[in-house]
């Protein structure tokens, strides 16, 4: 029968299934160290609670960030179209396709043809889970229309536009495009002007 010796330990307990003899002191110490103490469990629970407390509020802010990102994209495109109309001397349109949840710019040629623009005027979508709920142009709600076009004249004027954005039930923004400057304002919630 094989014997297992560690240091000065020569007497031990034999495990019949393996035929190996373990020192009796080693097995007693091994059994004493085989679980977690209450203090170790409390520390791990505390660490998990701290991480959850730090990350859960950030998840809620993600929707607001997506909405603000979409609002900034629309604002940037509006300023660019406003400048392009003034520089080219041609009427432009800022187009919102509510069905596909995209927005883009196009130029109106002298013959009435609409030309989609590339670069900053290319088609873009709303950020993340945010979506464009409605676009109100000149105080008029478009009934049943899935595509709304906002005229931008080369004289430095665009129709006053209000864009309502949402991401879920709790996150809503109103983007207001100003007629004389092409600037925009962002407001929390759905507002009417």
C-alpha atoms as a PDB file:
ATOM      1  CA  UNK A   1       0.000   0.000   0.000  1.00  0.00           C
ATOM      2  CA  UNK A   2       1.597   3.315  -1.052  1.00  0.00           C
ATOM      3  CA  UNK A   3       2.104   5.926   1.589  1.00  0.00           C
ATOM      4  CA  UNK A   4       2.067   9.675   1.083  1.00  0.00           C
ATOM      5  CA  UNK A   5       4.538  11.706   3.079  1.00  0.00           C
ATOM      6  CA  UNK A   6       4.827  15.484   3.330  1.00  0.00           C
ATOM      7  CA  UNK A   7       7.566  16.886   5.527  1.00  0.00           C
ATOM      8  CA  UNK A   8       7.576  14.885   8.744  1.00  0.00           C
ATOM      9  CA  UNK A   9       4.128  13.408   8.260  1.00  0.00           C
ATOM     10  CA  UNK A  10       4.269   9.690   7.720  1.00  0.00           C
ATOM     11  CA  UNK A  11       1.003   8.521   9.188  1.00  0.00           C
ATOM     12  CA  UNK A  12      -2.100   9.166   7.151  1.00  0.00           C
ATOM     13  CA  UNK A  13      -5.529   8.201   5.921  1.00  0.00           C
ATOM     14  CA  UNK A  14      -5.880   5.829   3.007  1.00  0.00           C
ATOM     15  CA  UNK A  15      -8.476   6.545   0.308  1.00  0.00           C
ATOM     16  CA  UNK A  16      -9.678   3.111  -0.837  1.00  0.00           C
ATOM     17  CA  UNK A  17     -10.892   4.335  -4.253  1.00  0.00           C
ATOM     18  CA  UNK A  18      -7.421   5.599  -5.211  1.00  0.00           C
ATOM     19  CA  UNK A  19      -5.172   3.567  -2.961  1.00  0.00           C
ATOM     20  CA  UNK A  20      -3.327   6.770  -1.944  1.00  0.00           C
ATOM     21  CA  UNK A  21      -2.707   7.624   1.678  1.00  0.00           C
ATOM     22  CA  UNK A  22      -3.097  11.293   2.681  1.00  0.00           C
ATOM     23  CA  UNK A  23      -1.764  12.754   5.889  1.00  0.00           C
ATOM     24  CA  UNK A  24      -4.509  13.107   8.496  1.00  0.00           C
ATOM     25  CA  UNK A  25      -3.480  16.694   9.335  1.00  0.00           C
ATOM     26  CA  UNK A  26      -3.556  17.668   5.628  1.00  0.00           C
ATOM     27  CA  UNK A  27      -7.086  16.369   5.094  1.00  0.00           C
ATOM     28  CA  UNK A  28      -8.359  18.193   8.196  1.00  0.00           C
ATOM     29  CA  UNK A  29      -6.758  21.465   7.013  1.00  0.00           C
ATOM     30  CA  UNK A  30      -8.052  20.865   3.495  1.00  0.00           C
ATOM     31  CA  UNK A  31     -11.600  20.399   4.751  1.00  0.00           C
ATOM     32  CA  UNK A  32     -11.362  23.609   6.826  1.00  0.00           C
ATOM     33  CA  UNK A  33     -10.325  25.681   3.761  1.00  0.00           C
ATOM     34  CA  UNK A  34     -12.807  24.256   1.275  1.00  0.00           C
ATOM     35  CA  UNK A  35     -15.478  27.033   1.458  1.00  0.00           C
ATOM     36  CA  UNK A  36     -15.897  30.812   1.528  1.00  0.00           C
ATOM     37  CA  UNK A  37     -16.095  32.724   4.742  1.00  0.00           C
ATOM     38  CA  UNK A  38     -18.940  35.098   5.490  1.00  0.00           C
ATOM     39  CA  UNK A  39     -16.561  38.057   5.220  1.00  0.00           C
ATOM     40  CA  UNK A  40     -15.404  36.990   1.735  1.00  0.00           C
ATOM     41  CA  UNK A  41     -19.004  36.618   0.555  1.00  0.00           C
ATOM     42  CA  UNK A  42     -19.896  40.046   1.978  1.00  0.00           C
ATOM     43  CA  UNK A  43     -16.943  41.692   0.190  1.00  0.00           C
ATOM     44  CA  UNK A  44     -17.857  40.104  -3.151  1.00  0.00           C
ATOM     45  CA  UNK A  45     -21.513  41.140  -2.731  1.00  0.00           C
ATOM     46  CA  UNK A  46     -20.415  44.699  -1.906  1.00  0.00           C
ATOM     47  CA  UNK A  47     -18.213  44.897  -5.020  1.00  0.00           C
ATOM     48  CA  UNK A  48     -21.039  43.631  -7.256  1.00  0.00           C
ATOM     49  CA  UNK A  49     -23.452  46.154  -5.706  1.00  0.00           C
ATOM     50  CA  UNK A  50     -20.977  49.011  -6.317  1.00  0.00           C
ATOM     51  CA  UNK A  51     -20.539  48.086  -9.982  1.00  0.00           C
ATOM     52  CA  UNK A  52     -24.302  47.793 -10.449  1.00  0.00           C
ATOM     53  CA  UNK A  53     -24.833  51.147  -8.741  1.00  0.00           C
ATOM     54  CA  UNK A  54     -22.341  52.797 -11.082  1.00  0.00           C
ATOM     55  CA  UNK A  55     -23.468  51.229 -14.353  1.00  0.00           C
ATOM     56  CA  UNK A  56     -27.277  51.198 -14.103  1.00  0.00           C
ATOM     57  CA  UNK A  57     -27.652  55.007 -14.216  1.00  0.00           C
ATOM     58  CA  UNK A  58     -25.379  55.086 -17.261  1.00  0.00           C
ATOM     59  CA  UNK A  59     -27.683  52.698 -19.118  1.00  0.00           C
ATOM     60  CA  UNK A  60     -30.591  55.110 -18.653  1.00  0.00           C
ATOM     61  CA  UNK A  61     -28.500  58.001 -19.938  1.00  0.00           C
ATOM     62  CA  UNK A  62     -27.697  56.074 -23.118  1.00  0.00           C
ATOM     63  CA  UNK A  63     -31.098  56.873 -24.579  1.00  0.00           C
ATOM     64  CA  UNK A  64     -30.667  60.585 -23.866  1.00  0.00           C
ATOM     65  CA  UNK A  65     -27.226  60.468 -25.494  1.00  0.00           C
ATOM     66  CA  UNK A  66     -28.697  58.814 -28.592  1.00  0.00           C
ATOM     67  CA  UNK A  67     -31.391  61.500 -28.810  1.00  0.00           C
ATOM     68  CA  UNK A  68     -28.873  64.309 -28.411  1.00  0.00           C
ATOM     69  CA  UNK A  69     -26.643  62.684 -31.019  1.00  0.00           C
ATOM     70  CA  UNK A  70     -29.536  62.529 -33.502  1.00  0.00           C
ATOM     71  CA  UNK A  71     -30.456  66.154 -32.731  1.00  0.00           C
ATOM     72  CA  UNK A  72     -26.838  67.241 -33.310  1.00  0.00           C
ATOM     73  CA  UNK A  73     -26.727  65.354 -36.620  1.00  0.00           C
ATOM     74  CA  UNK A  74     -29.874  67.113 -37.824  1.00  0.00           C
ATOM     75  CA  UNK A  75     -28.571  70.489 -36.574  1.00  0.00           C
ATOM     76  CA  UNK A  76     -25.258  70.025 -38.345  1.00  0.00           C
ATOM     77  CA  UNK A  77     -26.951  69.013 -41.583  1.00  0.00           C
ATOM     78  CA  UNK A  78     -29.276  72.041 -41.345  1.00  0.00           C
ATOM     79  CA  UNK A  79     -26.368  74.472 -40.938  1.00  0.00           C
ATOM     80  CA  UNK A  80     -24.536  72.845 -43.859  1.00  0.00           C
ATOM     81  CA  UNK A  81     -27.601  72.992 -46.147  1.00  0.00           C
ATOM     82  CA  UNK A  82     -28.220  76.591 -45.092  1.00  0.00           C
ATOM     83  CA  UNK A  83     -24.646  77.509 -46.116  1.00  0.00           C
ATOM     84  CA  UNK A  84     -24.803  75.496 -49.361  1.00  0.00           C
ATOM     85  CA  UNK A  85     -28.002  77.251 -50.438  1.00  0.00           C
ATOM     86  CA  UNK A  86     -26.436  80.668 -49.842  1.00  0.00           C
ATOM     87  CA  UNK A  87     -23.154  79.789 -51.611  1.00  0.00           C
ATOM     88  CA  UNK A  88     -24.670  78.068 -54.647  1.00  0.00           C
ATOM     89  CA  UNK A  89     -27.609  80.439 -55.079  1.00  0.00           C
ATOM     90  CA  UNK A  90     -29.954  77.460 -55.460  1.00  0.00           C
ATOM     91  CA  UNK A  91     -32.864  76.315 -53.356  1.00  0.00           C
ATOM     92  CA  UNK A  92     -32.177  73.233 -51.234  1.00  0.00           C
ATOM     93  CA  UNK A  93     -34.360  70.900 -49.205  1.00  0.00           C
ATOM     94  CA  UNK A  94     -33.819  69.166 -45.924  1.00  0.00           C
ATOM     95  CA  UNK A  95     -35.740  65.889 -46.253  1.00  0.00           C
ATOM     96  CA  UNK A  96     -37.041  63.672 -43.422  1.00  0.00           C
ATOM     97  CA  UNK A  97     -38.225  60.178 -44.397  1.00  0.00           C
ATOM     98  CA  UNK A  98     -40.209  59.105 -41.339  1.00  0.00           C
ATOM     99  CA  UNK A  99     -40.952  55.629 -42.624  1.00  0.00           C
ATOM    100  CA  UNK A 100     -37.286  54.718 -43.122  1.00  0.00           C
ATOM    101  CA  UNK A 101     -36.109  56.978 -40.246  1.00  0.00           C
ATOM    102  CA  UNK A 102     -33.511  58.799 -42.361  1.00  0.00           C
ATOM    103  CA  UNK A 103     -32.799  62.425 -43.225  1.00  0.00           C
ATOM    104  CA  UNK A 104     -30.737  63.993 -46.024  1.00  0.00           C
ATOM    105  CA  UNK A 105     -30.329  67.079 -48.213  1.00  0.00           C
ATOM    106  CA  UNK A 106     -31.047  67.669 -51.871  1.00  0.00           C
ATOM    107  CA  UNK A 107     -30.597  70.559 -54.289  1.00  0.00           C
ATOM    108  CA  UNK A 108     -33.308  71.828 -56.619  1.00  0.00           C
ATOM    109  CA  UNK A 109     -31.962  72.560 -60.098  1.00  0.00           C
ATOM    110  CA  UNK A 110     -33.295  75.311 -62.392  1.00  0.00           C
ATOM    111  CA  UNK A 111     -35.229  72.716 -64.421  1.00  0.00           C
ATOM    112  CA  UNK A 112     -36.999  71.477 -61.242  1.00  0.00           C
ATOM    113  CA  UNK A 113     -34.935  68.296 -60.933  1.00  0.00           C
ATOM    114  CA  UNK A 114     -34.040  67.207 -57.390  1.00  0.00           C
ATOM    115  CA  UNK A 115     -30.401  66.181 -56.933  1.00  0.00           C
ATOM    116  CA  UNK A 116     -29.399  64.182 -53.851  1.00  0.00           C
ATOM    117  CA  UNK A 117     -26.228  65.532 -52.260  1.00  0.00           C
ATOM    118  CA  UNK A 118     -23.202  63.604 -51.134  1.00  0.00           C
ATOM    119  CA  UNK A 119     -20.722  64.346 -48.364  1.00  0.00           C
ATOM    120  CA  UNK A 120     -22.337  66.052 -45.372  1.00  0.00           C
ATOM    121  CA  UNK A 121     -25.690  66.079 -47.196  1.00  0.00           C
ATOM    122  CA  UNK A 122     -25.817  62.314 -47.663  1.00  0.00           C
ATOM    123  CA  UNK A 123     -28.536  60.152 -46.170  1.00  0.00           C
ATOM    124  CA  UNK A 124     -28.169  59.573 -42.433  1.00  0.00           C
ATOM    125  CA  UNK A 125     -30.188  57.663 -39.894  1.00  0.00           C
ATOM    126  CA  UNK A 126     -31.177  58.380 -36.322  1.00  0.00           C
ATOM    127  CA  UNK A 127     -28.646  57.272 -33.708  1.00  0.00           C
ATOM    128  CA  UNK A 128     -29.230  53.963 -31.928  1.00  0.00           C
ATOM    129  CA  UNK A 129     -32.819  53.363 -30.892  1.00  0.00           C
ATOM    130  CA  UNK A 130     -33.859  56.999 -31.229  1.00  0.00           C
ATOM    131  CA  UNK A 131     -36.467  57.825 -33.851  1.00  0.00           C
ATOM    132  CA  UNK A 132     -38.046  60.835 -35.512  1.00  0.00           C
ATOM    133  CA  UNK A 133     -41.674  60.952 -34.379  1.00  0.00           C
ATOM    134  CA  UNK A 134     -42.897  63.933 -36.392  1.00  0.00           C
ATOM    135  CA  UNK A 135     -41.714  66.999 -38.268  1.00  0.00           C
ATOM    136  CA  UNK A 136     -43.820  70.179 -38.075  1.00  0.00           C
ATOM    137  CA  UNK A 137     -43.021  72.715 -40.810  1.00  0.00           C
ATOM    138  CA  UNK A 138     -44.299  76.287 -40.545  1.00  0.00           C
ATOM    139  CA  UNK A 139     -46.681  75.339 -37.735  1.00  0.00           C
ATOM    140  CA  UNK A 140     -48.488  72.831 -39.988  1.00  0.00           C
ATOM    141  CA  UNK A 141     -48.597  69.168 -39.006  1.00  0.00           C
ATOM    142  CA  UNK A 142     -48.219  66.932 -42.053  1.00  0.00           C
ATOM    143  CA  UNK A 143     -51.180  64.542 -42.031  1.00  0.00           C
ATOM    144  CA  UNK A 144     -50.459  61.088 -43.377  1.00  0.00           C
ATOM    145  CA  UNK A 145     -47.155  62.087 -44.998  1.00  0.00           C
ATOM    146  CA  UNK A 146     -44.166  59.836 -44.542  1.00  0.00           C
ATOM    147  CA  UNK A 147     -41.687  62.223 -46.189  1.00  0.00           C
ATOM    148  CA  UNK A 148     -41.392  65.845 -45.143  1.00  0.00           C
ATOM    149  CA  UNK A 149     -39.254  68.372 -47.053  1.00  0.00           C
ATOM    150  CA  UNK A 150     -38.128  71.658 -45.510  1.00  0.00           C
ATOM    151  CA  UNK A 151     -37.294  74.355 -48.061  1.00  0.00           C
ATOM    152  CA  UNK A 152     -34.028  76.247 -47.615  1.00  0.00           C
ATOM    153  CA  UNK A 153     -33.877  79.363 -49.813  1.00  0.00           C
ATOM    154  CA  UNK A 154     -30.622  80.897 -51.071  1.00  0.00           C
ATOM    155  CA  UNK A 155     -31.558  84.272 -49.538  1.00  0.00           C
ATOM    156  CA  UNK A 156     -30.822  82.865 -46.084  1.00  0.00           C
ATOM    157  CA  UNK A 157     -34.199  81.591 -44.967  1.00  0.00           C
ATOM    158  CA  UNK A 158     -35.676  78.227 -44.124  1.00  0.00           C
ATOM    159  CA  UNK A 159     -39.127  77.354 -42.953  1.00  0.00           C
ATOM    160  CA  UNK A 160     -39.413  77.193 -39.174  1.00  0.00           C
ATOM    161  CA  UNK A 161     -39.304  73.526 -38.316  1.00  0.00           C
ATOM    162  CA  UNK A 162     -39.942  71.541 -35.145  1.00  0.00           C
ATOM    163  CA  UNK A 163     -38.669  67.954 -35.003  1.00  0.00           C
ATOM    164  CA  UNK A 164     -39.876  65.637 -32.225  1.00  0.00           C
ATOM    165  CA  UNK A 165     -37.473  62.826 -31.330  1.00  0.00           C
ATOM    166  CA  UNK A 166     -37.942  59.963 -28.889  1.00  0.00           C
ATOM    167  CA  UNK A 167     -36.185  56.880 -27.597  1.00  0.00           C
ATOM    168  CA  UNK A 168     -38.613  54.768 -25.618  1.00  0.00           C
ATOM    169  CA  UNK A 169     -41.333  56.276 -23.435  1.00  0.00           C
ATOM    170  CA  UNK A 170     -39.158  58.271 -21.062  1.00  0.00           C
ATOM    171  CA  UNK A 171     -36.673  60.002 -23.395  1.00  0.00           C
ATOM    172  CA  UNK A 172     -38.055  62.768 -25.641  1.00  0.00           C
ATOM    173  CA  UNK A 173     -36.542  65.855 -27.255  1.00  0.00           C
ATOM    174  CA  UNK A 174     -37.745  68.748 -29.367  1.00  0.00           C
ATOM    175  CA  UNK A 175     -35.405  70.223 -31.978  1.00  0.00           C
ATOM    176  CA  UNK A 176     -36.373  73.657 -33.276  1.00  0.00           C
ATOM    177  CA  UNK A 177     -34.767  74.936 -36.498  1.00  0.00           C
ATOM    178  CA  UNK A 178     -34.728  78.738 -36.664  1.00  0.00           C
ATOM    179  CA  UNK A 179     -35.813  80.405 -39.944  1.00  0.00           C
ATOM    180  CA  UNK A 180     -33.396  83.319 -40.298  1.00  0.00           C
ATOM    181  CA  UNK A 181     -30.146  81.843 -39.077  1.00  0.00           C
ATOM    182  CA  UNK A 182     -30.346  78.087 -39.638  1.00  0.00           C
ATOM    183  CA  UNK A 183     -29.434  77.668 -35.973  1.00  0.00           C
ATOM    184  CA  UNK A 184     -31.221  75.177 -33.775  1.00  0.00           C
ATOM    185  CA  UNK A 185     -32.442  74.819 -30.206  1.00  0.00           C
ATOM    186  CA  UNK A 186     -32.760  71.542 -28.303  1.00  0.00           C
ATOM    187  CA  UNK A 187     -35.419  71.223 -25.579  1.00  0.00           C
ATOM    188  CA  UNK A 188     -36.319  68.340 -23.254  1.00  0.00           C
ATOM    189  CA  UNK A 189     -39.721  66.777 -23.900  1.00  0.00           C
ATOM    190  CA  UNK A 190     -42.192  67.490 -26.731  1.00  0.00           C
ATOM    191  CA  UNK A 191     -42.824  71.227 -27.087  1.00  0.00           C
ATOM    192  CA  UNK A 192     -45.033  73.189 -29.443  1.00  0.00           C
ATOM    193  CA  UNK A 193     -43.930  76.584 -30.802  1.00  0.00           C
END
